[in-house]
């Protein structure tokens, strides 16, 4: 056991991918997305138009990225595809919405952006709907 802990190889990348997806999608993005869904009426009149498409449409896209894509990332369903809107959302938050803020004020957006990129690179892992679909696809085309 000591050798496994001191060794540089990952203990289990599938468990790491699962925990990261649960944390990022479920605990962070679904929470923040739900807060925007539940206050949509209030927020839609004051949400900033950061990319020139209108505040209301911008809010809808943020809710799509945070809440809907957060659910899909949590489930591991088309994980790499569904984390892309989250990466775009956090890029806009970090580089545009908080561009002039101190790092302390935008570090959360930066952390979310980096974690989203890690999920994209790591993929969904074995404990995901993606994995189940891939196994089903392999069985379907086995000769």
C-alpha atoms as a PDB file:
ATOM      1  CA  UNK A   1       0.000   0.000   0.000  1.00  0.00           C
ATOM      2  CA  UNK A   2       2.844   2.379   0.853  1.00  0.00           C
ATOM      3  CA  UNK A   3       4.260   1.905  -2.650  1.00  0.00           C
ATOM      4  CA  UNK A   4       0.930   2.827  -4.244  1.00  0.00           C
ATOM      5  CA  UNK A   5       0.628   6.014  -2.202  1.00  0.00           C
ATOM      6  CA  UNK A   6       4.209   7.106  -2.863  1.00  0.00           C
ATOM      7  CA  UNK A   7       4.173   6.094  -6.540  1.00  0.00           C
ATOM      8  CA  UNK A   8       3.455   8.780  -9.124  1.00  0.00           C
ATOM      9  CA  UNK A   9       1.007   6.677 -11.163  1.00  0.00           C
ATOM     10  CA  UNK A  10      -2.709   7.455 -10.665  1.00  0.00           C
ATOM     11  CA  UNK A  11      -4.549   5.226  -8.227  1.00  0.00           C
ATOM     12  CA  UNK A  12      -7.672   5.123 -10.404  1.00  0.00           C
ATOM     13  CA  UNK A  13      -8.392   7.638 -13.154  1.00  0.00           C
ATOM     14  CA  UNK A  14     -11.985   6.405 -13.571  1.00  0.00           C
ATOM     15  CA  UNK A  15     -12.816   7.208  -9.957  1.00  0.00           C
ATOM     16  CA  UNK A  16     -11.028  10.551 -10.288  1.00  0.00           C
ATOM     17  CA  UNK A  17     -13.054  11.386 -13.423  1.00  0.00           C
ATOM     18  CA  UNK A  18     -16.271  10.371 -11.657  1.00  0.00           C
ATOM     19  CA  UNK A  19     -15.540  12.483  -8.561  1.00  0.00           C
ATOM     20  CA  UNK A  20     -14.496  15.454 -10.678  1.00  0.00           C
ATOM     21  CA  UNK A  21     -17.685  15.224 -12.768  1.00  0.00           C
ATOM     22  CA  UNK A  22     -19.856  15.003  -9.641  1.00  0.00           C
ATOM     23  CA  UNK A  23     -18.077  17.953  -8.050  1.00  0.00           C
ATOM     24  CA  UNK A  24     -17.966  20.170 -11.126  1.00  0.00           C
ATOM     25  CA  UNK A  25     -21.304  19.325 -12.713  1.00  0.00           C
ATOM     26  CA  UNK A  26     -23.430  18.448  -9.736  1.00  0.00           C
ATOM     27  CA  UNK A  27     -22.172  20.472  -6.843  1.00  0.00           C
ATOM     28  CA  UNK A  28     -20.929  23.575  -8.612  1.00  0.00           C
ATOM     29  CA  UNK A  29     -22.627  24.180 -11.939  1.00  0.00           C
ATOM     30  CA  UNK A  30     -26.050  22.719 -11.244  1.00  0.00           C
ATOM     31  CA  UNK A  31     -26.174  24.747  -8.030  1.00  0.00           C
ATOM     32  CA  UNK A  32     -25.198  28.019  -9.710  1.00  0.00           C
ATOM     33  CA  UNK A  33     -27.432  27.260 -12.696  1.00  0.00           C
ATOM     34  CA  UNK A  34     -30.423  26.499 -10.473  1.00  0.00           C
ATOM     35  CA  UNK A  35     -29.950  29.798  -8.661  1.00  0.00           C
ATOM     36  CA  UNK A  36     -30.246  31.540 -12.042  1.00  0.00           C
ATOM     37  CA  UNK A  37     -33.256  29.436 -13.088  1.00  0.00           C
ATOM     38  CA  UNK A  38     -35.091  30.179  -9.847  1.00  0.00           C
ATOM     39  CA  UNK A  39     -34.472  33.930 -10.141  1.00  0.00           C
ATOM     40  CA  UNK A  40     -34.815  34.147 -13.931  1.00  0.00           C
ATOM     41  CA  UNK A  41     -37.541  36.818 -13.874  1.00  0.00           C
ATOM     42  CA  UNK A  42     -35.469  39.165 -11.760  1.00  0.00           C
ATOM     43  CA  UNK A  43     -32.144  38.413 -13.400  1.00  0.00           C
ATOM     44  CA  UNK A  44     -33.353  38.640 -17.009  1.00  0.00           C
ATOM     45  CA  UNK A  45     -34.005  42.380 -16.675  1.00  0.00           C
ATOM     46  CA  UNK A  46     -30.576  43.165 -15.254  1.00  0.00           C
ATOM     47  CA  UNK A  47     -28.256  40.508 -16.715  1.00  0.00           C
ATOM     48  CA  UNK A  48     -25.385  42.179 -18.595  1.00  0.00           C
ATOM     49  CA  UNK A  49     -25.049  41.924 -22.368  1.00  0.00           C
ATOM     50  CA  UNK A  50     -21.387  40.941 -22.482  1.00  0.00           C
ATOM     51  CA  UNK A  51     -21.142  39.497 -25.984  1.00  0.00           C
ATOM     52  CA  UNK A  52     -23.657  41.641 -27.879  1.00  0.00           C
ATOM     53  CA  UNK A  53     -26.645  39.259 -28.029  1.00  0.00           C
ATOM     54  CA  UNK A  54     -28.793  40.831 -25.334  1.00  0.00           C
ATOM     55  CA  UNK A  55     -28.912  40.283 -21.600  1.00  0.00           C
ATOM     56  CA  UNK A  56     -31.886  37.909 -21.632  1.00  0.00           C
ATOM     57  CA  UNK A  57     -30.389  35.610 -24.293  1.00  0.00           C
ATOM     58  CA  UNK A  58     -27.036  35.744 -22.504  1.00  0.00           C
ATOM     59  CA  UNK A  59     -28.737  34.599 -19.299  1.00  0.00           C
ATOM     60  CA  UNK A  60     -30.498  31.770 -21.148  1.00  0.00           C
ATOM     61  CA  UNK A  61     -27.143  30.595 -22.547  1.00  0.00           C
ATOM     62  CA  UNK A  62     -25.554  30.783 -19.093  1.00  0.00           C
ATOM     63  CA  UNK A  63     -28.422  28.710 -17.654  1.00  0.00           C
ATOM     64  CA  UNK A  64     -28.023  26.214 -20.503  1.00  0.00           C
ATOM     65  CA  UNK A  65     -24.296  25.909 -19.826  1.00  0.00           C
ATOM     66  CA  UNK A  66     -24.451  25.830 -16.045  1.00  0.00           C
ATOM     67  CA  UNK A  67     -27.645  23.934 -15.315  1.00  0.00           C
ATOM     68  CA  UNK A  68     -28.401  21.686 -18.296  1.00  0.00           C
ATOM     69  CA  UNK A  69     -24.799  20.953 -19.247  1.00  0.00           C
ATOM     70  CA  UNK A  70     -23.995  20.594 -15.535  1.00  0.00           C
ATOM     71  CA  UNK A  71     -26.572  17.795 -15.319  1.00  0.00           C
ATOM     72  CA  UNK A  72     -25.174  16.080 -18.421  1.00  0.00           C
ATOM     73  CA  UNK A  73     -21.578  16.346 -17.193  1.00  0.00           C
ATOM     74  CA  UNK A  74     -22.632  14.896 -13.835  1.00  0.00           C
ATOM     75  CA  UNK A  75     -24.233  11.926 -15.583  1.00  0.00           C
ATOM     76  CA  UNK A  76     -21.283  11.545 -17.926  1.00  0.00           C
ATOM     77  CA  UNK A  77     -23.467  11.920 -21.015  1.00  0.00           C
ATOM     78  CA  UNK A  78     -21.547  13.283 -24.028  1.00  0.00           C
ATOM     79  CA  UNK A  79     -19.173  14.678 -21.429  1.00  0.00           C
ATOM     80  CA  UNK A  80     -16.572  16.274 -23.679  1.00  0.00           C
ATOM     81  CA  UNK A  81     -19.262  17.841 -25.847  1.00  0.00           C
ATOM     82  CA  UNK A  82     -21.342  19.126 -22.922  1.00  0.00           C
ATOM     83  CA  UNK A  83     -18.367  20.609 -21.072  1.00  0.00           C
ATOM     84  CA  UNK A  84     -17.579  22.888 -24.053  1.00  0.00           C
ATOM     85  CA  UNK A  85     -20.446  25.346 -23.295  1.00  0.00           C
ATOM     86  CA  UNK A  86     -19.241  25.433 -19.688  1.00  0.00           C
ATOM     87  CA  UNK A  87     -15.707  26.249 -20.861  1.00  0.00           C
ATOM     88  CA  UNK A  88     -17.067  29.031 -23.092  1.00  0.00           C
ATOM     89  CA  UNK A  89     -19.247  30.331 -20.246  1.00  0.00           C
ATOM     90  CA  UNK A  90     -16.356  30.432 -17.793  1.00  0.00           C
ATOM     91  CA  UNK A  91     -14.063  31.995 -20.405  1.00  0.00           C
ATOM     92  CA  UNK A  92     -16.562  34.825 -20.901  1.00  0.00           C
ATOM     93  CA  UNK A  93     -16.931  35.194 -17.135  1.00  0.00           C
ATOM     94  CA  UNK A  94     -13.181  35.314 -16.547  1.00  0.00           C
ATOM     95  CA  UNK A  95     -11.890  37.187 -19.601  1.00  0.00           C
ATOM     96  CA  UNK A  96     -14.831  39.548 -20.284  1.00  0.00           C
ATOM     97  CA  UNK A  97     -17.210  39.935 -17.318  1.00  0.00           C
ATOM     98  CA  UNK A  98     -14.426  40.127 -14.738  1.00  0.00           C
ATOM     99  CA  UNK A  99     -11.664  41.415 -17.004  1.00  0.00           C
ATOM    100  CA  UNK A 100     -10.987  44.515 -14.928  1.00  0.00           C
ATOM    101  CA  UNK A 101     -11.510  42.863 -11.541  1.00  0.00           C
ATOM    102  CA  UNK A 102      -8.722  41.764  -9.247  1.00  0.00           C
ATOM    103  CA  UNK A 103      -7.748  38.119  -9.360  1.00  0.00           C
ATOM    104  CA  UNK A 104      -9.388  37.590  -5.974  1.00  0.00           C
ATOM    105  CA  UNK A 105     -12.732  38.641  -7.487  1.00  0.00           C
ATOM    106  CA  UNK A 106     -12.432  36.378 -10.520  1.00  0.00           C
ATOM    107  CA  UNK A 107     -10.569  33.399  -9.107  1.00  0.00           C
ATOM    108  CA  UNK A 108     -13.763  31.312  -8.861  1.00  0.00           C
ATOM    109  CA  UNK A 109     -14.417  31.713 -12.592  1.00  0.00           C
ATOM    110  CA  UNK A 110     -10.761  30.838 -13.236  1.00  0.00           C
ATOM    111  CA  UNK A 111     -10.980  27.726 -11.054  1.00  0.00           C
ATOM    112  CA  UNK A 112     -14.207  26.611 -12.767  1.00  0.00           C
ATOM    113  CA  UNK A 113     -12.585  27.183 -16.169  1.00  0.00           C
ATOM    114  CA  UNK A 114      -9.535  25.096 -15.282  1.00  0.00           C
ATOM    115  CA  UNK A 115     -11.633  22.279 -13.792  1.00  0.00           C
ATOM    116  CA  UNK A 116     -13.783  22.252 -16.934  1.00  0.00           C
ATOM    117  CA  UNK A 117     -10.698  21.932 -19.109  1.00  0.00           C
ATOM    118  CA  UNK A 118      -9.498  19.035 -16.930  1.00  0.00           C
ATOM    119  CA  UNK A 119     -12.868  17.289 -17.408  1.00  0.00           C
ATOM    120  CA  UNK A 120     -12.557  17.801 -21.165  1.00  0.00           C
ATOM    121  CA  UNK A 121      -9.041  16.322 -21.239  1.00  0.00           C
ATOM    122  CA  UNK A 122      -9.808  13.485 -18.795  1.00  0.00           C
ATOM    123  CA  UNK A 123     -13.149  12.496 -20.311  1.00  0.00           C
ATOM    124  CA  UNK A 124     -16.013  10.822 -18.516  1.00  0.00           C
ATOM    125  CA  UNK A 125     -14.311   7.623 -17.378  1.00  0.00           C
ATOM    126  CA  UNK A 126     -15.773   4.178 -16.764  1.00  0.00           C
ATOM    127  CA  UNK A 127     -18.533   5.302 -14.381  1.00  0.00           C
ATOM    128  CA  UNK A 128     -20.605   7.246 -16.901  1.00  0.00           C
ATOM    129  CA  UNK A 129     -23.380   6.969 -19.447  1.00  0.00           C
ATOM    130  CA  UNK A 130     -20.727   7.529 -22.130  1.00  0.00           C
ATOM    131  CA  UNK A 131     -19.007   4.323 -21.024  1.00  0.00           C
ATOM    132  CA  UNK A 132     -22.274   2.371 -21.076  1.00  0.00           C
ATOM    133  CA  UNK A 133     -23.062   3.629 -24.575  1.00  0.00           C
ATOM    134  CA  UNK A 134     -19.565   2.792 -25.776  1.00  0.00           C
ATOM    135  CA  UNK A 135     -19.842  -0.779 -24.433  1.00  0.00           C
ATOM    136  CA  UNK A 136     -23.228  -1.165 -26.095  1.00  0.00           C
ATOM    137  CA  UNK A 137     -21.804   0.154 -29.379  1.00  0.00           C
ATOM    138  CA  UNK A 138     -18.893  -2.339 -29.239  1.00  0.00           C
ATOM    139  CA  UNK A 139     -21.279  -5.266 -28.655  1.00  0.00           C
ATOM    140  CA  UNK A 140     -23.498  -4.146 -31.505  1.00  0.00           C
ATOM    141  CA  UNK A 141     -20.678  -4.234 -34.056  1.00  0.00           C
ATOM    142  CA  UNK A 142     -18.932  -7.372 -32.809  1.00  0.00           C
ATOM    143  CA  UNK A 143     -18.750 -10.085 -35.482  1.00  0.00           C
END
